[in-house]
Amino acid sequence: MQNLDSITYRYLIEKAWPIILANAAVPLLGLVDTAVIGNVGTVTDLGAIAFGALIFSFVYWSFGFLRMGTTGSVAQALGAADQTEIRAVLGRALILAVALGLMLIVMQWGIRLVALALLDGSAAVEEVTAQYFSIRIWGAPATLATFALMGVLIGLGNSRQLLLVQLFLNGLNISLDIYFAGVLDWGVEGIALGTIIAEWSTVIFAVWLIMRELNSRRELGSEFWPRSRLLDAAALKKTLAANRDIMIRTLLLVFSFGFFINQSAQFGDVVLAANHILLQLISFAAFFLDGYAFVVESLVGSSLGARRRDSFDIAVKRSSILALVTATALALLLLVFGDLAVAVLTDLEPVQTAAQGSLFLAAIYIFFSFAAFQLDGVFIGASFTRQMRNAAFLSIAVFLFAWWILMDRFGVNGLWWAMIIYVAARADALLLFYPALRKFIDH
């Protein structure tokens, strides 16, 4: 467990910035895929890439618990100085990830059928999307395993290695996409093939990186994966329960944003497009706030494992202050430069006008969102997943009630205020369980 004096603001920033860069690297891949197909493909190909990316984003986001659940367990084992348990957590997470990935491959026909029915594109776009899907789905075990491996790195506090893995994944993926689709002219199928090669290569690279790290910590003569620890029934049950709770919480979060977009469409295509642009700006802000949340996950887990409430308190306090300052700065930047950002993202004047009219509401959302991010990190690090699930139900109920009260009376502004109330409610709901979590640290 770290010395209290080491959890300085400088230390937290040094740990957060690689995570921020790693998060920012993710959308770069989508931009490159779009640029490559946009220059060498057809409109149909471009539509298929958009549909395919949306399908996989939704499917894979649903399994985000593999990253979050692994982080908390690894961090707690680290705090307890239990190196064997860290390796066992890694093994259990990889077994679960590969099993779920294989399940997705087996279920690919049904997933593709349902997804294309919901998206309702043209016959030509759906045909090319199906080709893209049929290739890329074979990377599912690798993608889910990468989630687990990234969870290990965050739990260990190795944010620079996390950045290295993310840069390897995106760098290789971008290079292969440009070569297969741009040079060899394989189109959408080349994009899909480049992605799965990058995904499987990244798993190999990340496993090597992590095993080298864990082997250096292993006690002389001990097994890397003792069977009794790897297949411990109680630990497996706890892992499955935690992952179930996080999955439910994640699906409720996905539902909230989907509901927001759906309700935006009630005001017409212009408002729908404007709100989509504003959500992209909010997502950009999330890269920064997630950095502090990921750092606090590791520190909270380590504090719990070591039964150190003092280090828990200082880690939560200092990381939250940094997150508050960052959220304030991001909100002010959006207010000052938001018009320019919107103009860069679209040249459609009606959409610009609508988006610029709601910029101040998006800025308010960003300001209040830091608390939800931070508390998510605290609860993930402590593996208080049941409380996260319950808080998600409470906050979604508040959101729907606010929407029911406000949208009819205030229109699109009412919808935005409902979202602001929702992100504040996410934090407030978690705060209800915070005293019990803090007390548990010394339990």
Protein backbone atom coordinates (compact mmCIF):
# COMPACT_ATOMS: atom_id res chain seq x y z
CA MET A 1 0.00 0.00 0.00
CA GLN A 2 1.25 3.46 -0.88
CA ASN A 3 2.46 5.98 1.65
CA LEU A 4 -0.06 8.76 2.25
CA ASP A 5 2.53 11.35 1.31
CA SER A 6 2.82 9.79 -2.16
CA ILE A 7 -0.84 10.45 -3.05
CA THR A 8 -0.13 14.03 -4.10
CA TYR A 9 -1.92 16.09 -6.73
CA ARG A 10 1.14 15.71 -8.96
CA TYR A 11 1.04 11.92 -8.55
CA LEU A 12 -2.67 11.81 -9.45
CA ILE A 13 -2.14 13.94 -12.55
CA GLU A 14 0.81 11.78 -13.64
CA LYS A 15 -1.39 8.69 -13.31
CA ALA A 16 -4.38 10.29 -15.05
CA TRP A 17 -2.82 11.77 -18.19
CA PRO A 18 -1.88 8.44 -19.84
CA ILE A 19 -5.47 7.26 -19.27
CA ILE A 20 -6.82 10.46 -20.82
CA LEU A 21 -4.62 9.94 -23.89
CA ALA A 22 -5.62 6.26 -24.08
CA ASN A 23 -9.31 7.22 -24.00
CA ALA A 24 -8.78 9.89 -26.65
CA ALA A 25 -7.14 7.35 -28.97
CA VAL A 26 -10.38 5.34 -29.28
CA PRO A 27 -12.44 7.74 -31.44
CA LEU A 28 -9.39 8.35 -33.65
CA LEU A 29 -9.82 4.85 -35.09
CA GLY A 30 -13.41 5.56 -36.08
CA LEU A 31 -12.35 8.79 -37.77
CA VAL A 32 -9.64 6.97 -39.77
CA ASP A 33 -12.02 4.18 -40.82
CA THR A 34 -14.50 6.82 -41.99
CA ALA A 35 -11.79 8.78 -43.82
CA VAL A 36 -10.42 5.68 -45.61
CA ILE A 37 -13.81 4.40 -46.75
CA GLY A 38 -14.96 7.95 -47.49
CA ASN A 39 -12.11 8.29 -49.99
CA VAL A 40 -11.90 4.82 -51.54
CA GLY A 41 -15.39 3.39 -50.99
CA THR A 42 -18.98 4.17 -51.87
CA VAL A 43 -21.80 5.82 -49.95
CA THR A 44 -23.08 2.31 -49.23
CA ASP A 45 -19.71 1.32 -47.76
CA LEU A 46 -19.69 4.42 -45.58
CA GLY A 47 -23.17 3.64 -44.28
CA ALA A 48 -22.16 0.05 -43.59
CA ILE A 49 -19.13 1.16 -41.55
CA ALA A 50 -21.37 3.48 -39.53
CA PHE A 51 -23.89 0.70 -38.88
CA GLY A 52 -21.21 -1.90 -38.12
CA ALA A 53 -19.40 0.38 -35.66
CA LEU A 54 -22.69 1.15 -33.91
CA ILE A 55 -23.59 -2.54 -33.55
CA PHE A 56 -20.22 -3.50 -32.07
CA SER A 57 -20.10 -0.45 -29.83
CA PHE A 58 -23.43 -1.41 -28.28
CA VAL A 59 -22.59 -5.13 -28.00
CA TYR A 60 -19.15 -4.59 -26.51
CA TRP A 61 -20.20 -1.75 -24.22
CA SER A 62 -22.64 -4.21 -22.64
CA PHE A 63 -19.62 -6.24 -21.51
CA GLY A 64 -17.79 -3.31 -19.95
CA PHE A 65 -18.15 -5.07 -16.60
CA LEU A 66 -15.15 -7.21 -17.59
CA ARG A 67 -12.96 -4.13 -17.28
CA MET A 68 -14.63 -2.61 -14.21
CA GLY A 69 -15.08 -5.78 -12.19
CA THR A 70 -11.49 -6.84 -12.82
CA THR A 71 -10.10 -3.46 -11.77
CA GLY A 72 -11.71 -3.52 -8.32
CA SER A 73 -10.66 -7.12 -7.57
CA VAL A 74 -7.05 -6.57 -8.70
CA ALA A 75 -6.72 -3.32 -6.74
CA GLN A 76 -8.02 -4.93 -3.55
CA ALA A 77 -5.65 -7.89 -3.92
CA LEU A 78 -2.81 -5.41 -4.50
CA GLY A 79 -3.68 -3.54 -1.30
CA ALA A 80 -3.74 -6.83 0.60
CA ALA A 81 -0.31 -7.72 -0.91
CA ASP A 82 -1.85 -10.96 -2.25
CA GLN A 83 0.07 -11.51 -5.49
CA THR A 84 -1.44 -14.97 -6.01
CA GLU A 85 -4.95 -13.50 -5.95
CA ILE A 86 -3.98 -10.85 -8.52
CA ARG A 87 -2.94 -13.63 -10.91
CA ALA A 88 -6.09 -15.62 -10.08
CA VAL A 89 -8.28 -12.58 -10.83
CA LEU A 90 -6.53 -12.24 -14.18
CA GLY A 91 -7.11 -15.92 -14.95
CA ARG A 92 -10.78 -15.87 -13.97
CA ALA A 93 -11.39 -12.69 -15.97
CA LEU A 94 -9.75 -14.16 -19.09
CA ILE A 95 -11.76 -17.40 -18.81
CA LEU A 96 -14.99 -15.41 -18.52
CA ALA A 97 -14.04 -13.04 -21.36
CA VAL A 98 -13.13 -15.82 -23.79
CA ALA A 99 -16.27 -17.80 -22.89
CA LEU A 100 -18.49 -14.77 -23.51
CA GLY A 101 -16.64 -13.96 -26.74
CA LEU A 102 -17.21 -17.50 -28.03
CA MET A 103 -20.87 -17.17 -27.04
CA LEU A 104 -21.14 -14.05 -29.21
CA ILE A 105 -19.63 -15.96 -32.15
CA VAL A 106 -22.13 -18.79 -31.70
CA MET A 107 -25.01 -16.27 -31.47
CA GLN A 108 -23.80 -14.10 -34.36
CA TRP A 109 -26.68 -14.90 -36.72
CA GLY A 110 -29.31 -13.82 -34.19
CA ILE A 111 -27.37 -10.71 -33.13
CA ARG A 112 -26.92 -9.62 -36.74
CA LEU A 113 -30.59 -10.23 -37.56
CA VAL A 114 -31.87 -8.23 -34.58
CA ALA A 115 -29.37 -5.40 -35.06
CA LEU A 116 -30.13 -4.89 -38.74
CA ALA A 117 -33.87 -5.05 -38.06
CA LEU A 118 -33.54 -2.29 -35.45
CA LEU A 119 -31.30 -0.09 -37.61
CA ASP A 120 -33.60 -0.38 -40.64
CA GLY A 121 -31.13 0.68 -43.35
CA SER A 122 -31.34 0.24 -47.11
CA ALA A 123 -30.97 -3.26 -48.55
CA ALA A 124 -27.56 -2.40 -50.02
CA VAL A 125 -26.21 -0.99 -46.75
CA GLU A 126 -27.55 -3.92 -44.74
CA GLU A 127 -25.90 -6.40 -47.10
CA VAL A 128 -22.46 -4.79 -46.75
CA THR A 129 -22.98 -4.36 -42.98
CA ALA A 130 -23.69 -8.09 -42.73
CA GLN A 131 -20.39 -8.83 -44.52
CA TYR A 132 -18.51 -6.52 -42.13
CA PHE A 133 -20.22 -8.06 -39.10
CA SER A 134 -19.54 -11.65 -40.22
CA ILE A 135 -15.80 -10.98 -40.33
CA ARG A 136 -15.37 -8.72 -37.32
CA ILE A 137 -17.37 -10.91 -34.91
CA TRP A 138 -14.43 -13.36 -34.88
CA GLY A 139 -12.52 -10.80 -32.86
CA ALA A 140 -15.06 -10.91 -30.01
CA PRO A 141 -13.04 -13.16 -27.63
CA ALA A 142 -9.99 -10.94 -28.18
CA THR A 143 -11.90 -7.71 -27.58
CA LEU A 144 -13.50 -8.95 -24.37
CA ALA A 145 -10.18 -10.37 -23.17
CA THR A 146 -8.61 -6.96 -23.79
CA PHE A 147 -11.26 -5.40 -21.54
CA ALA A 148 -10.17 -7.75 -18.74
CA LEU A 149 -6.47 -7.08 -19.38
CA MET A 150 -7.02 -3.33 -19.27
CA GLY A 151 -8.87 -3.82 -15.98
CA VAL A 152 -5.77 -5.52 -14.58
CA LEU A 153 -3.52 -2.64 -15.67
CA ILE A 154 -5.83 -0.04 -14.12
CA GLY A 155 -6.13 -2.06 -10.92
CA LEU A 156 -2.34 -2.22 -10.69
CA GLY A 157 -2.11 1.51 -11.31
CA ASN A 158 -0.05 0.96 -14.49
CA SER A 159 -1.63 3.76 -16.50
CA ARG A 160 1.38 4.16 -18.82
CA GLN A 161 1.22 0.51 -19.80
CA LEU A 162 -2.51 0.99 -20.42
CA LEU A 163 -1.65 3.82 -22.81
CA LEU A 164 0.95 1.61 -24.51
CA VAL A 165 -1.63 -1.16 -25.08
CA GLN A 166 -4.19 1.30 -26.43
CA LEU A 167 -1.66 2.91 -28.78
CA PHE A 168 -0.56 -0.54 -29.98
CA LEU A 169 -4.18 -1.54 -30.68
CA ASN A 170 -5.17 1.65 -32.45
CA GLY A 171 -1.86 2.16 -34.24
CA LEU A 172 -1.86 -1.36 -35.70
CA ASN A 173 -5.57 -1.17 -36.50
CA ILE A 174 -5.22 2.14 -38.34
CA SER A 175 -2.17 0.89 -40.30
CA LEU A 176 -3.91 -2.33 -41.36
CA ASP A 177 -7.13 -0.52 -42.29
CA ILE A 178 -5.23 1.91 -44.50
CA TYR A 179 -3.28 -0.97 -46.11
CA PHE A 180 -6.16 -3.41 -46.63
CA ALA A 181 -8.86 -0.91 -47.60
CA GLY A 182 -6.76 1.91 -49.06
CA VAL A 183 -3.83 0.14 -50.76
CA LEU A 184 -5.27 -3.30 -51.55
CA ASP A 185 -8.76 -1.88 -52.14
CA TRP A 186 -10.53 -4.56 -50.09
CA GLY A 187 -13.12 -2.05 -48.91
CA VAL A 188 -15.30 -2.75 -45.88
CA GLU A 189 -14.09 -6.35 -45.63
CA GLY A 190 -10.52 -5.02 -45.39
CA ILE A 191 -11.52 -2.71 -42.54
CA ALA A 192 -13.08 -5.64 -40.65
CA LEU A 193 -10.07 -7.91 -41.29
CA GLY A 194 -7.63 -5.23 -40.14
CA THR A 195 -9.63 -4.78 -36.95
CA ILE A 196 -9.68 -8.44 -35.92
CA ILE A 197 -5.96 -8.88 -36.65
CA ALA A 198 -5.26 -5.83 -34.47
CA GLU A 199 -7.55 -7.17 -31.71
CA TRP A 200 -5.89 -10.59 -31.53
CA SER A 201 -2.40 -9.08 -31.78
CA THR A 202 -3.22 -6.73 -28.91
CA VAL A 203 -4.32 -9.62 -26.67
CA ILE A 204 -0.99 -11.35 -27.26
CA PHE A 205 0.93 -8.13 -26.58
CA ALA A 206 -1.06 -7.23 -23.43
CA VAL A 207 -0.85 -10.78 -22.00
CA TRP A 208 2.93 -10.73 -22.50
CA LEU A 209 3.19 -7.31 -20.88
CA ILE A 210 1.08 -8.24 -17.84
CA MET A 211 2.56 -11.70 -17.32
CA ARG A 212 6.06 -10.22 -17.39
CA GLU A 213 4.97 -7.76 -14.70
CA LEU A 214 3.25 -10.39 -12.54
CA ASN A 215 6.09 -12.89 -12.93
CA SER A 216 8.49 -10.29 -11.56
CA ARG A 217 6.32 -10.14 -8.42
CA ARG A 218 5.78 -13.90 -8.08
CA GLU A 219 7.15 -15.71 -5.07
CA LEU A 220 10.00 -18.07 -5.95
CA GLY A 221 8.73 -21.59 -6.66
CA SER A 222 5.01 -20.69 -6.60
CA GLU A 223 2.63 -21.58 -9.40
CA PHE A 224 1.50 -18.77 -11.66
CA TRP A 225 -2.10 -19.99 -11.56
CA PRO A 226 -2.74 -22.36 -8.63
CA ARG A 227 -5.79 -24.40 -9.60
CA SER A 228 -7.35 -24.06 -6.14
CA ARG A 229 -7.26 -20.23 -6.34
CA LEU A 230 -8.14 -19.96 -10.02
CA LEU A 231 -11.28 -22.11 -9.70
CA ASP A 232 -12.25 -21.07 -6.17
CA ALA A 233 -16.04 -21.43 -6.07
CA ALA A 234 -16.66 -18.50 -3.72
CA ALA A 235 -14.44 -16.19 -5.77
CA LEU A 236 -16.12 -17.27 -9.02
CA LYS A 237 -19.56 -16.66 -7.52
CA LYS A 238 -18.50 -13.21 -6.31
CA THR A 239 -17.05 -12.38 -9.74
CA LEU A 240 -20.23 -13.41 -11.56
CA ALA A 241 -22.45 -11.47 -9.12
CA ALA A 242 -20.34 -8.32 -9.44
CA ASN A 243 -20.29 -8.55 -13.23
CA ARG A 244 -24.06 -9.08 -13.33
CA ASP A 245 -24.64 -5.96 -11.24
CA ILE A 246 -22.30 -3.82 -13.35
CA MET A 247 -23.90 -5.10 -16.56
CA ILE A 248 -27.37 -4.10 -15.33
CA ARG A 249 -26.03 -0.67 -14.33
CA THR A 250 -24.34 -0.24 -17.73
CA LEU A 251 -27.46 -1.22 -19.67
CA LEU A 252 -29.48 1.34 -17.69
CA LEU A 253 -26.87 3.97 -18.56
CA VAL A 254 -27.03 3.00 -22.25
CA PHE A 255 -30.82 3.19 -22.06
CA SER A 256 -30.70 6.72 -20.65
CA PHE A 257 -28.64 8.07 -23.55
CA GLY A 258 -30.68 6.11 -26.08
CA PHE A 259 -33.85 7.55 -24.56
CA PHE A 260 -32.39 11.07 -24.74
CA ILE A 261 -31.61 10.63 -28.45
CA ASN A 262 -35.03 9.11 -29.12
CA GLN A 263 -36.78 12.01 -27.39
CA SER A 264 -34.58 14.50 -29.28
CA ALA A 265 -36.01 13.08 -32.50
CA GLN A 266 -39.48 14.19 -31.38
CA PHE A 267 -38.39 17.78 -32.10
CA GLY A 268 -37.30 17.01 -35.67
CA ASP A 269 -34.11 16.13 -37.53
CA VAL A 270 -32.39 19.45 -36.80
CA VAL A 271 -32.66 19.11 -33.02
CA LEU A 272 -31.72 15.44 -33.26
CA ALA A 273 -28.55 16.32 -35.17
CA ALA A 274 -27.75 19.23 -32.83
CA ASN A 275 -28.10 17.10 -29.69
CA HIS A 276 -25.95 14.38 -31.28
CA ILE A 277 -23.18 16.95 -31.81
CA LEU A 278 -23.47 18.19 -28.22
CA LEU A 279 -23.23 14.61 -26.94
CA GLN A 280 -19.95 14.24 -28.88
CA LEU A 281 -18.59 17.28 -27.03
CA ILE A 282 -19.77 15.79 -23.72
CA SER A 283 -18.06 12.51 -24.65
CA PHE A 284 -14.84 14.43 -25.29
CA ALA A 285 -15.05 15.93 -21.79
CA ALA A 286 -15.59 12.43 -20.40
CA PHE A 287 -12.09 11.40 -21.60
CA PHE A 288 -10.61 13.79 -19.03
CA LEU A 289 -12.97 12.98 -16.16
CA ASP A 290 -12.57 9.24 -16.72
CA GLY A 291 -8.83 9.67 -16.16
CA TYR A 292 -9.33 10.66 -12.51
CA ALA A 293 -12.07 8.06 -12.04
CA PHE A 294 -9.77 5.26 -13.25
CA VAL A 295 -6.98 6.42 -10.92
CA VAL A 296 -9.31 6.50 -7.92
CA GLU A 297 -10.53 2.96 -8.75
CA SER A 298 -7.02 1.63 -8.18
CA LEU A 299 -6.36 3.70 -5.05
CA VAL A 300 -9.71 2.87 -3.43
CA GLY A 301 -9.29 -0.83 -4.12
CA SER A 302 -5.79 -0.80 -2.67
CA SER A 303 -7.02 1.10 0.39
CA LEU A 304 -9.78 -1.43 0.98
CA GLY A 305 -7.40 -4.34 0.55
CA ALA A 306 -4.99 -2.80 3.06
CA ARG A 307 -7.83 -1.68 5.40
CA ARG A 308 -6.56 1.91 5.26
CA ARG A 309 -9.36 4.45 5.62
CA ASP A 310 -6.84 7.28 5.83
CA SER A 311 -5.45 6.58 2.36
CA PHE A 312 -9.00 6.05 1.07
CA ASP A 313 -10.07 9.48 2.32
CA ILE A 314 -7.11 11.34 0.89
CA ALA A 315 -7.30 9.56 -2.49
CA VAL A 316 -11.02 10.33 -2.86
CA LYS A 317 -10.64 13.93 -1.67
CA ARG A 318 -7.67 14.92 -3.82
CA SER A 319 -8.79 13.14 -6.99
CA SER A 320 -12.26 14.67 -6.61
CA ILE A 321 -10.81 18.17 -6.25
CA LEU A 322 -8.82 17.65 -9.46
CA ALA A 323 -11.91 16.31 -11.22
CA LEU A 324 -13.96 19.32 -10.04
CA VAL A 325 -11.33 21.76 -11.30
CA THR A 326 -11.13 19.90 -14.61
CA ALA A 327 -14.92 19.79 -15.04
CA THR A 328 -15.16 23.51 -14.32
CA ALA A 329 -12.43 24.27 -16.88
CA LEU A 330 -14.08 22.04 -19.50
CA ALA A 331 -17.48 23.67 -18.94
CA LEU A 332 -15.97 27.16 -19.29
CA LEU A 333 -14.08 26.12 -22.44
CA LEU A 334 -17.33 24.87 -23.94
CA LEU A 335 -19.05 28.17 -23.15
CA VAL A 336 -16.18 30.19 -24.69
CA PHE A 337 -15.26 28.01 -27.68
CA GLY A 338 -18.43 25.96 -28.11
CA ASP A 339 -19.63 27.92 -31.14
CA LEU A 340 -16.34 27.20 -32.89
CA ALA A 341 -16.47 23.50 -31.95
CA VAL A 342 -19.99 23.17 -33.33
CA ALA A 343 -18.96 24.95 -36.55
CA VAL A 344 -16.09 22.46 -36.98
CA LEU A 345 -18.44 19.50 -36.55
CA THR A 346 -21.13 20.72 -38.95
CA ASP A 347 -21.57 23.38 -41.63
CA LEU A 348 -25.36 23.06 -41.62
CA GLU A 349 -26.60 26.44 -40.38
CA PRO A 350 -29.89 25.27 -38.80
CA VAL A 351 -28.04 22.54 -36.89
CA GLN A 352 -25.37 25.02 -35.79
CA THR A 353 -28.03 27.41 -34.49
CA ALA A 354 -29.87 24.68 -32.57
CA ALA A 355 -26.67 23.28 -31.05
CA GLN A 356 -25.34 26.70 -30.09
CA GLY A 357 -28.63 27.48 -28.37
CA SER A 358 -28.14 24.50 -26.01
CA LEU A 359 -24.41 24.89 -25.39
CA PHE A 360 -24.91 26.38 -21.93
CA LEU A 361 -26.99 23.36 -20.92
CA ALA A 362 -24.31 20.96 -22.18
CA ALA A 363 -21.75 22.96 -20.16
CA ILE A 364 -23.89 22.63 -17.01
CA TYR A 365 -24.14 18.87 -17.64
CA ILE A 366 -20.34 18.57 -17.90
CA PHE A 367 -19.86 20.51 -14.66
CA PHE A 368 -22.20 18.27 -12.67
CA SER A 369 -21.00 15.04 -14.30
CA PHE A 370 -17.65 14.94 -12.47
CA ALA A 371 -19.29 13.72 -9.24
CA ALA A 372 -20.95 10.78 -10.99
CA PHE A 373 -17.65 9.79 -12.65
CA GLN A 374 -15.72 10.01 -9.40
CA LEU A 375 -18.24 8.05 -7.35
CA ASP A 376 -18.44 5.38 -10.06
CA GLY A 377 -14.67 5.02 -9.70
CA VAL A 378 -14.90 4.81 -5.91
CA PHE A 379 -17.60 2.11 -5.97
CA ILE A 380 -15.90 0.11 -8.75
CA GLY A 381 -12.62 0.14 -6.82
CA ALA A 382 -14.40 -1.10 -3.71
CA SER A 383 -16.42 -3.68 -5.71
CA PHE A 384 -19.63 -2.26 -4.25
CA THR A 385 -21.43 -3.30 -7.41
CA ARG A 386 -24.81 -4.13 -5.88
CA GLN A 387 -25.03 -0.58 -4.59
CA MET A 388 -24.08 0.72 -8.05
CA ARG A 389 -26.90 -1.31 -9.56
CA ASN A 390 -29.41 -0.02 -7.02
CA ALA A 391 -28.23 3.56 -7.50
CA ALA A 392 -28.68 3.15 -11.27
CA PHE A 393 -32.32 2.13 -10.78
CA LEU A 394 -32.92 5.11 -8.48
CA SER A 395 -31.32 7.64 -10.81
CA ILE A 396 -33.09 6.36 -13.95
CA ALA A 397 -36.41 6.71 -12.10
CA VAL A 398 -35.52 10.32 -11.24
CA PHE A 399 -34.56 10.94 -14.89
CA LEU A 400 -37.84 9.62 -16.29
CA PHE A 401 -39.86 11.58 -13.74
CA ALA A 402 -37.95 14.79 -14.57
CA TRP A 403 -38.48 14.16 -18.30
CA TRP A 404 -42.22 13.63 -17.74
CA ILE A 405 -42.51 16.87 -15.77
CA LEU A 406 -40.21 19.11 -17.81
CA MET A 407 -40.28 18.19 -21.51
CA ASP A 408 -43.91 19.03 -22.24
CA ARG A 409 -43.56 22.37 -20.48
CA PHE A 410 -40.10 23.48 -21.65
CA GLY A 411 -39.51 21.48 -24.84
CA VAL A 412 -35.93 20.62 -25.77
CA ASN A 413 -34.60 22.69 -22.84
CA GLY A 414 -36.74 20.57 -20.54
CA LEU A 415 -35.20 17.43 -22.04
CA TRP A 416 -31.72 18.79 -21.37
CA TRP A 417 -32.61 19.75 -17.79
CA ALA A 418 -33.88 16.21 -17.26
CA MET A 419 -30.45 14.93 -18.37
CA ILE A 420 -28.71 17.37 -16.02
CA ILE A 421 -30.93 16.25 -13.14
CA TYR A 422 -30.16 12.65 -14.13
CA VAL A 423 -26.36 13.03 -13.96
CA ALA A 424 -26.70 14.79 -10.60
CA ALA A 425 -29.05 12.02 -9.40
CA ARG A 426 -26.47 9.39 -10.39
CA ALA A 427 -24.06 10.99 -7.91
CA ASP A 428 -26.68 11.59 -5.23
CA ALA A 429 -27.90 8.00 -5.39
CA LEU A 430 -24.36 6.69 -4.89
CA LEU A 431 -23.83 9.12 -2.01
CA LEU A 432 -26.65 7.35 -0.18
CA PHE A 433 -24.42 4.27 0.00
CA TYR A 434 -21.12 6.12 0.51
CA PRO A 435 -21.12 6.15 4.36
CA ALA A 436 -21.51 2.36 4.44
CA LEU A 437 -18.70 1.95 1.91
CA ARG A 438 -16.36 4.21 3.90
CA LYS A 439 -17.18 2.35 7.12
CA PHE A 440 -16.49 -0.97 5.40
CA ILE A 441 -12.87 0.05 4.69
CA ASP A 442 -11.91 -0.65 8.33
CA HIS A 443 -14.19 -3.69 8.63
